Amino acid sequence: ALGLTADAITWYENPTWTPHTIITAQDAPKPVYMDAADIDGDGIPE
């Protein structure tokens, strides 16, 4: 989930929905949109 005014972009782990910070708004200011795909083939998306 990305929020325009959120402190960070966060992913929530299925099924407990434990939150994990991906990147803070300080390191990526004014975020607006994102997508994901495994472009390097390691099984985890970029």
All heavy atoms as atom14 arrays in JSON, in Angstrom:
{
  "sequence": "ALGLTADAITWYENPTWTPHTIITAQDAPKPVYMDAADIDGDGIPE",
  "atom14_mask": [
    [1, 1, 1, 1, 1, 0, 0, 0, 0, 0, 0, 0, 0, 0],
    [1, 1, 1, 1, 1, 1, 1, 1, 0, 0, 0, 0, 0, 0],
    [1, 1, 1, 1, 0, 0, 0, 0, 0, 0, 0, 0, 0, 0],
    [1, 1, 1, 1, 1, 1, 1, 1, 0, 0, 0, 0, 0, 0],
    [1, 1, 1, 1, 1, 1, 1, 0, 0, 0, 0, 0, 0, 0],
    [1, 1, 1, 1, 1, 0, 0, 0, 0, 0, 0, 0, 0, 0],
    [1, 1, 1, 1, 1, 1, 1, 1, 0, 0, 0, 0, 0, 0],
    [1, 1, 1, 1, 1, 0, 0, 0, 0, 0, 0, 0, 0, 0],
    [1, 1, 1, 1, 1, 1, 1, 1, 0, 0, 0, 0, 0, 0],
    [1, 1, 1, 1, 1, 1, 1, 0, 0, 0, 0, 0, 0, 0],
    [1, 1, 1, 1, 1, 1, 1, 1, 1, 1, 1, 1, 1, 1],
    [1, 1, 1, 1, 1, 1, 1, 1, 1, 1, 1, 1, 0, 0],
    [1, 1, 1, 1, 1, 1, 1, 1, 1, 0, 0, 0, 0, 0],
    [1, 1, 1, 1, 1, 1, 1, 1, 0, 0, 0, 0, 0, 0],
    [1, 1, 1, 1, 1, 1, 1, 0, 0, 0, 0, 0, 0, 0],
    [1, 1, 1, 1, 1, 1, 1, 0, 0, 0, 0, 0, 0, 0],
    [1, 1, 1, 1, 1, 1, 1, 1, 1, 1, 1, 1, 1, 1],
    [1, 1, 1, 1, 1, 1, 1, 0, 0, 0, 0, 0, 0, 0],
    [1, 1, 1, 1, 1, 1, 1, 0, 0, 0, 0, 0, 0, 0],
    [1, 1, 1, 1, 1, 1, 1, 1, 1, 1, 0, 0, 0, 0],
    [1, 1, 1, 1, 1, 1, 1, 0, 0, 0, 0, 0, 0, 0],
    [1, 1, 1, 1, 1, 1, 1, 1, 0, 0, 0, 0, 0, 0],
    [1, 1, 1, 1, 1, 1, 1, 1, 0, 0, 0, 0, 0, 0],
    [1, 1, 1, 1, 1, 1, 1, 0, 0, 0, 0, 0, 0, 0],
    [1, 1, 1, 1, 1, 0, 0, 0, 0, 0, 0, 0, 0, 0],
    [1, 1, 1, 1, 1, 1, 1, 1, 1, 0, 0, 0, 0, 0],
    [1, 1, 1, 1, 1, 1, 1, 1, 0, 0, 0, 0, 0, 0],
    [1, 1, 1, 1, 1, 0, 0, 0, 0, 0, 0, 0, 0, 0],
    [1, 1, 1, 1, 1, 1, 1, 0, 0, 0, 0, 0, 0, 0],
    [1, 1, 1, 1, 1, 1, 1, 1, 1, 0, 0, 0, 0, 0],
    [1, 1, 1, 1, 1, 1, 1, 0, 0, 0, 0, 0, 0, 0],
    [1, 1, 1, 1, 1, 1, 1, 0, 0, 0, 0, 0, 0, 0],
    [1, 1, 1, 1, 1, 1, 1, 1, 1, 1, 1, 1, 0, 0],
    [1, 1, 1, 1, 1, 1, 1, 1, 0, 0, 0, 0, 0, 0],
    [1, 1, 1, 1, 1, 1, 1, 1, 0, 0, 0, 0, 0, 0],
    [1, 1, 1, 1, 1, 0, 0, 0, 0, 0, 0, 0, 0, 0],
    [1, 1, 1, 1, 1, 0, 0, 0, 0, 0, 0, 0, 0, 0],
    [1, 1, 1, 1, 1, 1, 1, 1, 0, 0, 0, 0, 0, 0],
    [1, 1, 1, 1, 1, 1, 1, 1, 0, 0, 0, 0, 0, 0],
    [1, 1, 1, 1, 1, 1, 1, 1, 0, 0, 0, 0, 0, 0],
    [1, 1, 1, 1, 0, 0, 0, 0, 0, 0, 0, 0, 0, 0],
    [1, 1, 1, 1, 1, 1, 1, 1, 0, 0, 0, 0, 0, 0],
    [1, 1, 1, 1, 0, 0, 0, 0, 0, 0, 0, 0, 0, 0],
    [1, 1, 1, 1, 1, 1, 1, 1, 0, 0, 0, 0, 0, 0],
    [1, 1, 1, 1, 1, 1, 1, 0, 0, 0, 0, 0, 0, 0],
    [1, 1, 1, 1, 1, 1, 1, 1, 1, 0, 0, 0, 0, 0]
  ],
  "atom14_positions": [
    [[0.82, -1.21, 0.0], [0.0, 0.0, 0.0], [0.86, 1.26, 0.0], [1.82, 1.37, 0.76], [-0.93, 0.0, 1.22], [0.0, 0.0, 0.0], [0.0, 0.0, 0.0], [0.0, 0.0, 0.0], [0.0, 0.0, 0.0], [0.0, 0.0, 0.0], [0.0, 0.0, 0.0], [0.0, 0.0, 0.0], [0.0, 0.0, 0.0], [0.0, 0.0, 0.0]],
    [[0.47, 2.19, -0.86], [1.13, 3.5, -0.96], [0.1, 4.57, -0.68], [-0.97, 4.6, -1.3], [1.73, 3.67, -2.36], [2.43, 4.97, -2.74], [3.39, 4.72, -3.9], [1.46, 6.09, -3.12], [0.0, 0.0, 0.0], [0.0, 0.0, 0.0], [0.0, 0.0, 0.0], [0.0, 0.0, 0.0], [0.0, 0.0, 0.0], [0.0, 0.0, 0.0]],
    [[0.41, 5.47, 0.24], [-0.44, 6.61, 0.52], [0.28, 7.9, 0.16], [1.5, 8.02, 0.4], [0.0, 0.0, 0.0], [0.0, 0.0, 0.0], [0.0, 0.0, 0.0], [0.0, 0.0, 0.0], [0.0, 0.0, 0.0], [0.0, 0.0, 0.0], [0.0, 0.0, 0.0], [0.0, 0.0, 0.0], [0.0, 0.0, 0.0], [0.0, 0.0, 0.0]],
    [[-0.45, 8.85, -0.4], [0.19, 10.09, -0.84], [0.82, 10.85, 0.31], [1.82, 11.57, 0.13], [-0.85, 10.98, -1.53], [-1.53, 10.4, -2.77], [-2.52, 11.41, -3.34], [-0.53, 9.98, -3.83], [0.0, 0.0, 0.0], [0.0, 0.0, 0.0], [0.0, 0.0, 0.0], [0.0, 0.0, 0.0], [0.0, 0.0, 0.0], [0.0, 0.0, 0.0]],
    [[0.25, 10.71, 1.51], [0.8, 11.42, 2.68], [1.29, 10.46, 3.76], [1.53, 10.88, 4.88], [-0.26, 12.36, 3.28], [-1.41, 11.59, 3.68], [-0.69, 13.42, 2.28], [0.0, 0.0, 0.0], [0.0, 0.0, 0.0], [0.0, 0.0, 0.0], [0.0, 0.0, 0.0], [0.0, 0.0, 0.0], [0.0, 0.0, 0.0], [0.0, 0.0, 0.0]],
    [[1.43, 9.19, 3.44], [1.91, 8.21, 4.42], [3.4, 8.4, 4.69], [4.14, 8.94, 3.86], [1.64, 6.8, 3.92], [0.0, 0.0, 0.0], [0.0, 0.0, 0.0], [0.0, 0.0, 0.0], [0.0, 0.0, 0.0], [0.0, 0.0, 0.0], [0.0, 0.0, 0.0], [0.0, 0.0, 0.0], [0.0, 0.0, 0.0], [0.0, 0.0, 0.0]],
    [[3.84, 7.93, 5.85], [5.25, 8.04, 6.23], [6.13, 7.08, 5.44], [7.34, 7.3, 5.31], [5.44, 7.76, 7.72], [4.79, 8.83, 8.6], [4.63, 9.97, 8.12], [4.42, 8.49, 9.74], [0.0, 0.0, 0.0], [0.0, 0.0, 0.0], [0.0, 0.0, 0.0], [0.0, 0.0, 0.0], [0.0, 0.0, 0.0], [0.0, 0.0, 0.0]],
    [[5.52, 6.0, 4.92], [6.3, 4.98, 4.23], [5.4, 4.17, 3.32], [4.17, 4.17, 3.47], [6.99, 4.05, 5.23], [0.0, 0.0, 0.0], [0.0, 0.0, 0.0], [0.0, 0.0, 0.0], [0.0, 0.0, 0.0], [0.0, 0.0, 0.0], [0.0, 0.0, 0.0], [0.0, 0.0, 0.0], [0.0, 0.0, 0.0], [0.0, 0.0, 0.0]],
    [[6.01, 3.49, 2.37], [5.32, 2.47, 1.59], [5.51, 1.15, 2.33], [6.63, 0.79, 2.7], [5.88, 2.39, 0.17], [5.68, 3.73, -0.55], [5.22, 1.26, -0.62], [6.41, 3.82, -1.87], [0.0, 0.0, 0.0], [0.0, 0.0, 0.0], [0.0, 0.0, 0.0], [0.0, 0.0, 0.0], [0.0, 0.0, 0.0], [0.0, 0.0, 0.0]],
    [[4.4, 0.43, 2.55], [4.41, -0.72, 3.44], [3.8, -1.93, 2.76], [2.84, -1.8, 2.0], [3.61, -0.4, 4.72], [4.17, 0.77, 5.33], [3.66, -1.55, 5.71], [0.0, 0.0, 0.0], [0.0, 0.0, 0.0], [0.0, 0.0, 0.0], [0.0, 0.0, 0.0], [0.0, 0.0, 0.0], [0.0, 0.0, 0.0], [0.0, 0.0, 0.0]],
    [[4.39, -3.11, 3.03], [3.72, -4.33, 2.58], [3.25, -5.12, 3.79], [3.87, -5.09, 4.86], [4.6, -5.16, 1.65], [5.78, -5.9, 2.19], [7.03, -5.41, 2.39], [5.85, -7.29, 2.54], [7.87, -6.39, 2.86], [7.17, -7.56, 2.95], [4.92, -8.33, 2.55], [7.59, -8.83, 3.37], [5.33, -9.59, 2.96], [6.64, -9.83, 3.37]],
    [[2.11, -5.8, 3.61], [1.44, -6.52, 4.69], [1.44, -8.01, 4.35], [0.96, -8.43, 3.31], [0.01, -6.0, 4.85], [-0.01, -4.54, 5.23], [0.0, -3.56, 4.24], [-0.01, -4.13, 6.55], [0.02, -2.22, 4.57], [0.0, -2.8, 6.9], [0.02, -1.84, 5.89], [0.04, -0.5, 6.23], [0.0, 0.0, 0.0], [0.0, 0.0, 0.0]],
    [[2.02, -8.78, 5.29], [2.31, -10.19, 5.04], [1.09, -11.07, 5.28], [0.5, -11.08, 6.35], [3.46, -10.64, 5.94], [3.99, -12.02, 5.64], [5.23, -12.36, 6.45], [5.79, -11.44, 7.1], [5.64, -13.53, 6.44], [0.0, 0.0, 0.0], [0.0, 0.0, 0.0], [0.0, 0.0, 0.0], [0.0, 0.0, 0.0], [0.0, 0.0, 0.0]],
    [[0.71, -11.8, 4.27], [-0.4, -12.75, 4.31], [0.04, -14.01, 5.07], [1.1, -14.56, 4.78], [-0.76, -13.1, 2.86], [-2.0, -13.94, 2.71], [-2.57, -14.43, 3.68], [-2.41, -14.13, 1.48], [0.0, 0.0, 0.0], [0.0, 0.0, 0.0], [0.0, 0.0, 0.0], [0.0, 0.0, 0.0], [0.0, 0.0, 0.0], [0.0, 0.0, 0.0]],
    [[-0.74, -14.53, 6.05], [-2.11, -14.15, 6.43], [-2.21, -13.31, 7.7], [-3.31, -12.97, 8.11], [-2.75, -15.5, 6.65], [-1.66, -16.32, 7.26], [-0.38, -15.85, 6.6], [0.0, 0.0, 0.0], [0.0, 0.0, 0.0], [0.0, 0.0, 0.0], [0.0, 0.0, 0.0], [0.0, 0.0, 0.0], [0.0, 0.0, 0.0], [0.0, 0.0, 0.0]],
    [[-1.09, -13.01, 8.36], [-1.15, -12.28, 9.64], [-1.29, -10.78, 9.44], [-1.62, -10.06, 10.38], [0.11, -12.55, 10.46], [1.27, -12.06, 9.72], [0.29, -14.04, 10.74], [0.0, 0.0, 0.0], [0.0, 0.0, 0.0], [0.0, 0.0, 0.0], [0.0, 0.0, 0.0], [0.0, 0.0, 0.0], [0.0, 0.0, 0.0], [0.0, 0.0, 0.0]],
    [[-0.94, -10.3, 8.24], [-0.94, -8.89, 7.87], [0.05, -8.09, 8.69], [-0.16, -6.92, 9.01], [-2.35, -8.3, 7.95], [-3.35, -9.12, 7.2], [-4.5, -9.67, 7.67], [-3.26, -9.53, 5.81], [-5.13, -10.4, 6.68], [-4.4, -10.33, 5.54], [-2.34, -9.31, 4.79], [-4.63, -10.9, 4.28], [-2.56, -9.87, 3.54], [-3.69, -10.65, 3.29]],
    [[1.15, -8.74, 9.03], [2.26, -8.04, 9.69], [2.83, -7.0, 8.73], [3.15, -7.31, 7.58], [3.36, -9.04, 10.07], [2.81, -10.03, 10.94], [4.51, -8.33, 10.76], [0.0, 0.0, 0.0], [0.0, 0.0, 0.0], [0.0, 0.0, 0.0], [0.0, 0.0, 0.0], [0.0, 0.0, 0.0], [0.0, 0.0, 0.0], [0.0, 0.0, 0.0]],
    [[2.98, -5.74, 9.16], [3.5, -4.7, 8.26], [5.02, -4.72, 8.17], [5.71, -4.96, 9.17], [2.99, -3.42, 8.91], [2.9, -3.74, 10.37], [2.52, -5.2, 10.46], [0.0, 0.0, 0.0], [0.0, 0.0, 0.0], [0.0, 0.0, 0.0], [0.0, 0.0, 0.0], [0.0, 0.0, 0.0], [0.0, 0.0, 0.0], [0.0, 0.0, 0.0]],
    [[5.53, -4.44, 6.98], [6.97, -4.32, 6.76], [7.21, -3.07, 5.9], [6.61, -2.91, 4.84], [7.54, -5.54, 6.03], [7.24, -6.84, 6.71], [7.87, -7.24, 7.88], [6.39, -7.84, 6.38], [7.42, -8.44, 8.24], [6.52, -8.82, 7.34], [0.0, 0.0, 0.0], [0.0, 0.0, 0.0], [0.0, 0.0, 0.0], [0.0, 0.0, 0.0]],
    [[8.1, -2.21, 6.34], [8.41, -0.99, 5.6], [9.28, -1.31, 4.39], [10.3, -2.0, 4.5], [9.13, 0.02, 6.49], [8.25, 0.42, 7.55], [9.56, 1.25, 5.71], [0.0, 0.0, 0.0], [0.0, 0.0, 0.0], [0.0, 0.0, 0.0], [0.0, 0.0, 0.0], [0.0, 0.0, 0.0], [0.0, 0.0, 0.0], [0.0, 0.0, 0.0]],
    [[8.88, -0.81, 3.23], [9.68, -0.96, 2.02], [10.63, 0.23, 1.89], [11.84, 0.06, 1.76], [8.77, -1.06, 0.78], [7.93, -2.34, 0.86], [9.6, -1.03, -0.51], [6.92, -2.47, -0.25], [0.0, 0.0, 0.0], [0.0, 0.0, 0.0], [0.0, 0.0, 0.0], [0.0, 0.0, 0.0], [0.0, 0.0, 0.0], [0.0, 0.0, 0.0]],
    [[10.06, 1.44, 1.91], [10.89, 2.65, 1.83], [10.12, 3.78, 2.47], [8.88, 3.82, 2.43], [11.25, 2.98, 0.35], [12.38, 3.99, 0.28], [10.02, 3.44, -0.43], [12.99, 4.12, -1.13], [0.0, 0.0, 0.0], [0.0, 0.0, 0.0], [0.0, 0.0, 0.0], [0.0, 0.0, 0.0], [0.0, 0.0, 0.0], [0.0, 0.0, 0.0]],
    [[10.8, 4.7, 3.1], [10.15, 5.82, 3.76], [9.91, 6.96, 2.78], [10.57, 7.06, 1.74], [10.98, 6.34, 4.93], [12.18, 6.93, 4.43], [11.32, 5.21, 5.91], [0.0, 0.0, 0.0], [0.0, 0.0, 0.0], [0.0, 0.0, 0.0], [0.0, 0.0, 0.0], [0.0, 0.0, 0.0], [0.0, 0.0, 0.0], [0.0, 0.0, 0.0]],
    [[8.98, 7.83, 3.15], [8.71, 9.0, 2.34], [9.9, 9.96, 2.33], [10.05, 10.76, 1.4], [7.47, 9.71, 2.85], [0.0, 0.0, 0.0], [0.0, 0.0, 0.0], [0.0, 0.0, 0.0], [0.0, 0.0, 0.0], [0.0, 0.0, 0.0], [0.0, 0.0, 0.0], [0.0, 0.0, 0.0], [0.0, 0.0, 0.0], [0.0, 0.0, 0.0]],
    [[10.74, 9.86, 3.34], [11.95, 10.69, 3.35], [12.91, 10.27, 2.24], [13.56, 11.11, 1.61], [12.64, 10.57, 4.72], [13.89, 11.42, 4.85], [14.51, 11.34, 6.23], [13.96, 10.71, 7.13], [15.65, 11.98, 6.41], [0.0, 0.0, 0.0], [0.0, 0.0, 0.0], [0.0, 0.0, 0.0], [0.0, 0.0, 0.0], [0.0, 0.0, 0.0]],
    [[12.98, 8.97, 1.98], [13.89, 8.47, 0.94], [13.26, 8.48, -0.45], [13.98, 8.44, -1.46], [14.33, 7.04, 1.28], [15.23, 6.99, 2.5], [15.99, 7.96, 2.7], [15.17, 6.0, 3.25], [0.0, 0.0, 0.0], [0.0, 0.0, 0.0], [0.0, 0.0, 0.0], [0.0, 0.0, 0.0], [0.0, 0.0, 0.0], [0.0, 0.0, 0.0]],
    [[11.93, 8.53, -0.51], [11.23, 8.62, -1.79], [10.08, 9.62, -1.63], [8.93, 9.22, -1.44], [10.72, 7.26, -2.23], [0.0, 0.0, 0.0], [0.0, 0.0, 0.0], [0.0, 0.0, 0.0], [0.0, 0.0, 0.0], [0.0, 0.0, 0.0], [0.0, 0.0, 0.0], [0.0, 0.0, 0.0], [0.0, 0.0, 0.0], [0.0, 0.0, 0.0]],
    [[10.36, 10.91, -1.68], [9.34, 11.93, -1.39], [8.23, 11.96, -2.43], [8.43, 11.68, -3.6], [10.15, 13.25, -1.42], [11.58, 12.85, -1.29], [11.67, 11.5, -1.94], [0.0, 0.0, 0.0], [0.0, 0.0, 0.0], [0.0, 0.0, 0.0], [0.0, 0.0, 0.0], [0.0, 0.0, 0.0], [0.0, 0.0, 0.0], [0.0, 0.0, 0.0]],
    [[7.05, 12.32, -1.95], [5.86, 12.51, -2.79], [5.61, 11.33, -3.73], [5.5, 11.5, -4.94], [5.96, 13.83, -3.54], [5.86, 15.04, -2.62], [5.66, 16.31, -3.39], [6.96, 16.86, -3.91], [6.8, 18.19, -4.53], [0.0, 0.0, 0.0], [0.0, 0.0, 0.0], [0.0, 0.0, 0.0], [0.0, 0.0, 0.0], [0.0, 0.0, 0.0]],
    [[5.53, 10.1, -3.18], [5.24, 8.94, -4.02], [3.8, 8.99, -4.51], [2.92, 9.5, -3.83], [5.47, 7.76, -3.08], [5.12, 8.31, -1.73], [5.59, 9.73, -1.75], [0.0, 0.0, 0.0], [0.0, 0.0, 0.0], [0.0, 0.0, 0.0], [0.0, 0.0, 0.0], [0.0, 0.0, 0.0], [0.0, 0.0, 0.0], [0.0, 0.0, 0.0]],
    [[3.55, 8.41, -5.69], [2.2, 8.44, -6.24], [1.73, 7.09, -6.76], [0.56, 6.76, -6.66], [2.07, 9.53, -7.34], [2.96, 9.2, -8.54], [0.63, 9.7, -7.78], [0.0, 0.0, 0.0], [0.0, 0.0, 0.0], [0.0, 0.0, 0.0], [0.0, 0.0, 0.0], [0.0, 0.0, 0.0], [0.0, 0.0, 0.0], [0.0, 0.0, 0.0]],
    [[2.64, 6.27, -7.32], [2.18, 5.01, -7.91], [3.33, 4.01, -7.95], [4.51, 4.38, -7.93], [1.66, 5.25, -9.33], [0.51, 4.34, -9.69], [-0.77, 4.59, -9.22], [0.7, 3.21, -10.49], [-1.84, 3.75, -9.53], [-0.35, 2.38, -10.82], [-1.61, 2.65, -10.34], [-2.67, 1.81, -10.65], [0.0, 0.0, 0.0], [0.0, 0.0, 0.0]],
    [[2.94, 2.72, -8.04], [3.95, 1.66, -8.04], [3.38, 0.43, -8.73], [2.18, 0.29, -8.93], [4.36, 1.31, -6.61], [3.21, 0.79, -5.78], [3.63, 0.45, -4.06], [2.01, 0.11, -3.4], [0.0, 0.0, 0.0], [0.0, 0.0, 0.0], [0.0, 0.0, 0.0], [0.0, 0.0, 0.0], [0.0, 0.0, 0.0], [0.0, 0.0, 0.0]],
    [[4.28, -0.48, -9.09], [3.9, -1.8, -9.6], [5.03, -2.75, -9.24], [6.11, -2.34, -8.81], [3.67, -1.75, -11.11], [2.81, -2.9, -11.61], [2.3, -3.68, -10.77], [2.66, -3.04, -12.83], [0.0, 0.0, 0.0], [0.0, 0.0, 0.0], [0.0, 0.0, 0.0], [0.0, 0.0, 0.0], [0.0, 0.0, 0.0], [0.0, 0.0, 0.0]],
    [[4.77, -4.06, -9.4], [5.76, -5.06, -9.0], [5.87, -6.15, -10.05], [4.87, -6.56, -10.67], [5.36, -5.67, -7.66], [0.0, 0.0, 0.0], [0.0, 0.0, 0.0], [0.0, 0.0, 0.0], [0.0, 0.0, 0.0], [0.0, 0.0, 0.0], [0.0, 0.0, 0.0], [0.0, 0.0, 0.0], [0.0, 0.0, 0.0], [0.0, 0.0, 0.0]],
    [[7.1, -6.63, -10.26], [7.36, -7.77, -11.14], [8.74, -8.32, -10.81], [9.65, -7.56, -10.43], [7.3, -7.37, -12.61], [0.0, 0.0, 0.0], [0.0, 0.0, 0.0], [0.0, 0.0, 0.0], [0.0, 0.0, 0.0], [0.0, 0.0, 0.0], [0.0, 0.0, 0.0], [0.0, 0.0, 0.0], [0.0, 0.0, 0.0], [0.0, 0.0, 0.0]],
    [[8.91, -9.62, -10.95], [10.21, -10.25, -10.68], [11.05, -10.17, -11.95], [10.99, -11.03, -12.81], [10.0, -11.7, -10.26], [11.31, -12.39, -9.89], [12.35, -11.7, -9.81], [11.29, -13.63, -9.71], [0.0, 0.0, 0.0], [0.0, 0.0, 0.0], [0.0, 0.0, 0.0], [0.0, 0.0, 0.0], [0.0, 0.0, 0.0], [0.0, 0.0, 0.0]],
    [[11.85, -9.12, -12.07], [12.62, -8.92, -13.29], [14.0, -9.57, -13.24], [14.65, -9.72, -14.27], [12.75, -7.42, -13.63], [13.41, -6.65, -12.49], [11.38, -6.84, -13.96], [13.59, -5.16, -12.8], [0.0, 0.0, 0.0], [0.0, 0.0, 0.0], [0.0, 0.0, 0.0], [0.0, 0.0, 0.0], [0.0, 0.0, 0.0], [0.0, 0.0, 0.0]],
    [[14.46, -9.98, -12.05], [15.77, -10.63, -11.98], [15.67, -12.13, -11.72], [16.7, -12.82, -11.64], [16.66, -9.96, -10.92], [16.1, -10.08, -9.5], [15.07, -10.78, -9.31], [16.69, -9.49, -8.58], [0.0, 0.0, 0.0], [0.0, 0.0, 0.0], [0.0, 0.0, 0.0], [0.0, 0.0, 0.0], [0.0, 0.0, 0.0], [0.0, 0.0, 0.0]],
    [[14.44, -12.65, -11.57], [14.25, -14.1, -11.48], [14.62, -14.73, -10.16], [14.77, -15.95, -10.08], [0.0, 0.0, 0.0], [0.0, 0.0, 0.0], [0.0, 0.0, 0.0], [0.0, 0.0, 0.0], [0.0, 0.0, 0.0], [0.0, 0.0, 0.0], [0.0, 0.0, 0.0], [0.0, 0.0, 0.0], [0.0, 0.0, 0.0], [0.0, 0.0, 0.0]],
    [[14.68, -13.94, -9.07], [15.05, -14.52, -7.77], [13.83, -14.95, -6.96], [13.96, -15.38, -5.82], [15.91, -13.55, -6.97], [15.14, -12.31, -6.49], [13.99, -12.11, -6.95], [15.7, -11.54, -5.69], [0.0, 0.0, 0.0], [0.0, 0.0, 0.0], [0.0, 0.0, 0.0], [0.0, 0.0, 0.0], [0.0, 0.0, 0.0], [0.0, 0.0, 0.0]],
    [[12.63, -14.83, -7.55], [11.42, -15.24, -6.85], [10.77, -14.16, -6.02], [9.67, -14.35, -5.5], [0.0, 0.0, 0.0], [0.0, 0.0, 0.0], [0.0, 0.0, 0.0], [0.0, 0.0, 0.0], [0.0, 0.0, 0.0], [0.0, 0.0, 0.0], [0.0, 0.0, 0.0], [0.0, 0.0, 0.0], [0.0, 0.0, 0.0], [0.0, 0.0, 0.0]],
    [[11.43, -13.03, -5.87], [10.89, -11.89, -5.13], [10.8, -10.72, -6.08], [11.76, -10.4, -6.79], [11.77, -11.55, -3.91], [11.77, -12.72, -2.92], [11.28, -10.27, -3.22], [12.7, -12.55, -1.75], [0.0, 0.0, 0.0], [0.0, 0.0, 0.0], [0.0, 0.0, 0.0], [0.0, 0.0, 0.0], [0.0, 0.0, 0.0], [0.0, 0.0, 0.0]],
    [[9.67, -10.05, -6.14], [9.5, -9.0, -7.15], [10.33, -7.76, -6.86], [10.67, -7.47, -5.71], [8.01, -8.68, -7.07], [7.63, -9.02, -5.67], [8.45, -10.23, -5.32], [0.0, 0.0, 0.0], [0.0, 0.0, 0.0], [0.0, 0.0, 0.0], [0.0, 0.0, 0.0], [0.0, 0.0, 0.0], [0.0, 0.0, 0.0], [0.0, 0.0, 0.0]],
    [[10.66, -7.05, -7.92], [11.15, -5.69, -7.8], [9.93, -4.75, -7.86], [8.88, -5.14, -8.36], [12.11, -5.34, -8.94], [13.52, -5.9, -8.77], [13.56, -7.43, -8.82], [13.04, -8.01, -9.81], [14.07, -8.04, -7.87], [0.0, 0.0, 0.0], [0.0, 0.0, 0.0], [0.0, 0.0, 0.0], [0.0, 0.0, 0.0], [0.0, 0.0, 0.0]]
  ]
}
